[in-house]
Amino acid sequence: MAKRGRKIQGTRKLTQTEINRRHMDKICSIDAELNNAFDSIDWNRRRNAEKSLVDWVATYCVPLLLNDPPPELGNTILE
């Protein structure tokens, strides 16, 4: 038997606000996109670019701005 003053886990009914929040958390989750992004990272290229700001800009920023047309994600970033 539960002690007085302690709530029993799992018996509380969720409010509509909590249900809506959990639903929005689920549909707005970016976990799948993050996992996909992590899988597509060229880690050696990134490690080399992280050695200095000049290397980072040369590796990631300049190609983004000079590609004609920019890569698909580049259009989104630039907008």
Protein backbone atom coordinates (compact mmCIF):
# COMPACT_ATOMS: atom_id res chain seq x y z
CA MET A 1 0.00 0.00 0.00
CA ALA A 2 1.24 3.48 -0.86
CA LYS A 3 2.33 5.77 1.95
CA ARG A 4 0.20 8.78 2.68
CA GLY A 5 1.15 11.90 0.70
CA ARG A 6 2.99 10.00 -2.04
CA LYS A 7 1.58 9.89 -5.55
CA ILE A 8 1.30 6.55 -7.24
CA GLN A 9 3.24 6.68 -10.51
CA GLY A 10 1.29 6.38 -13.74
CA THR A 11 -2.21 6.95 -12.41
CA ARG A 12 -2.46 10.68 -13.07
CA LYS A 13 -4.49 11.60 -16.15
CA LEU A 14 -2.76 13.98 -18.55
CA THR A 15 -4.32 17.37 -19.16
CA GLN A 16 -5.15 18.41 -22.70
CA THR A 17 -2.31 20.93 -22.55
CA GLU A 18 0.18 18.18 -21.69
CA ILE A 19 -1.19 15.96 -24.44
CA ASN A 20 -0.84 18.80 -26.96
CA ARG A 21 2.70 19.59 -25.79
CA ARG A 22 3.80 15.96 -26.08
CA HIS A 23 2.24 15.73 -29.53
CA MET A 24 4.03 18.88 -30.71
CA ASP A 25 7.30 17.64 -29.19
CA LYS A 26 6.94 14.46 -31.21
CA ILE A 27 6.03 16.04 -34.56
CA CYS A 28 8.58 18.86 -34.22
CA SER A 29 11.41 16.58 -33.18
CA ILE A 30 14.56 16.91 -35.24
CA ASP A 31 16.16 13.69 -34.02
CA ALA A 32 15.86 11.96 -37.41
CA GLU A 33 17.33 14.97 -39.21
CA LEU A 34 20.20 15.19 -36.71
CA ASN A 35 21.00 11.49 -37.07
CA ASN A 36 20.97 11.87 -40.85
CA ALA A 37 23.24 14.93 -40.62
CA PHE A 38 25.71 13.15 -38.32
CA ASP A 39 25.86 10.21 -40.73
CA SER A 40 26.74 12.49 -43.64
CA ILE A 41 29.54 14.46 -41.93
CA ASP A 42 32.99 13.98 -43.40
CA TRP A 43 34.79 13.90 -40.04
CA ASN A 44 38.32 14.07 -41.48
CA ARG A 45 37.40 17.16 -43.49
CA ARG A 46 35.78 18.70 -40.43
CA ARG A 47 38.77 17.99 -38.15
CA ASN A 48 41.11 19.57 -40.68
CA ALA A 49 38.85 22.63 -41.01
CA GLU A 50 38.63 23.05 -37.22
CA LYS A 51 42.37 23.67 -36.96
CA SER A 52 41.90 27.35 -37.74
CA LEU A 53 39.22 29.86 -38.63
CA VAL A 54 40.84 30.43 -42.03
CA ASP A 55 40.63 26.70 -42.80
CA TRP A 56 36.99 26.61 -41.64
CA VAL A 57 35.99 29.54 -43.84
CA ALA A 58 37.90 28.12 -46.82
CA THR A 59 36.34 24.68 -46.39
CA TYR A 60 32.74 25.50 -45.54
CA CYS A 61 31.89 29.17 -46.16
CA VAL A 62 33.62 30.09 -49.41
CA PRO A 63 32.33 27.08 -51.40
CA LEU A 64 28.83 27.78 -50.14
CA LEU A 65 28.95 31.35 -51.43
CA LEU A 66 30.80 30.68 -54.69
CA ASN A 67 29.03 27.58 -55.99
CA ASP A 68 26.85 28.38 -58.96
CA PRO A 69 24.15 27.38 -58.15
CA PRO A 70 24.62 26.92 -54.41
CA PRO A 71 24.06 23.44 -52.98
CA GLU A 72 20.47 22.62 -51.98
CA LEU A 73 21.03 23.27 -48.29
CA GLY A 74 22.97 26.41 -49.18
CA ASN A 75 19.83 27.98 -50.62
CA THR A 76 18.03 27.36 -47.34
CA ILE A 77 20.88 28.79 -45.29
CA LEU A 78 21.17 31.90 -47.45
CA GLU A 79 17.43 32.68 -47.35
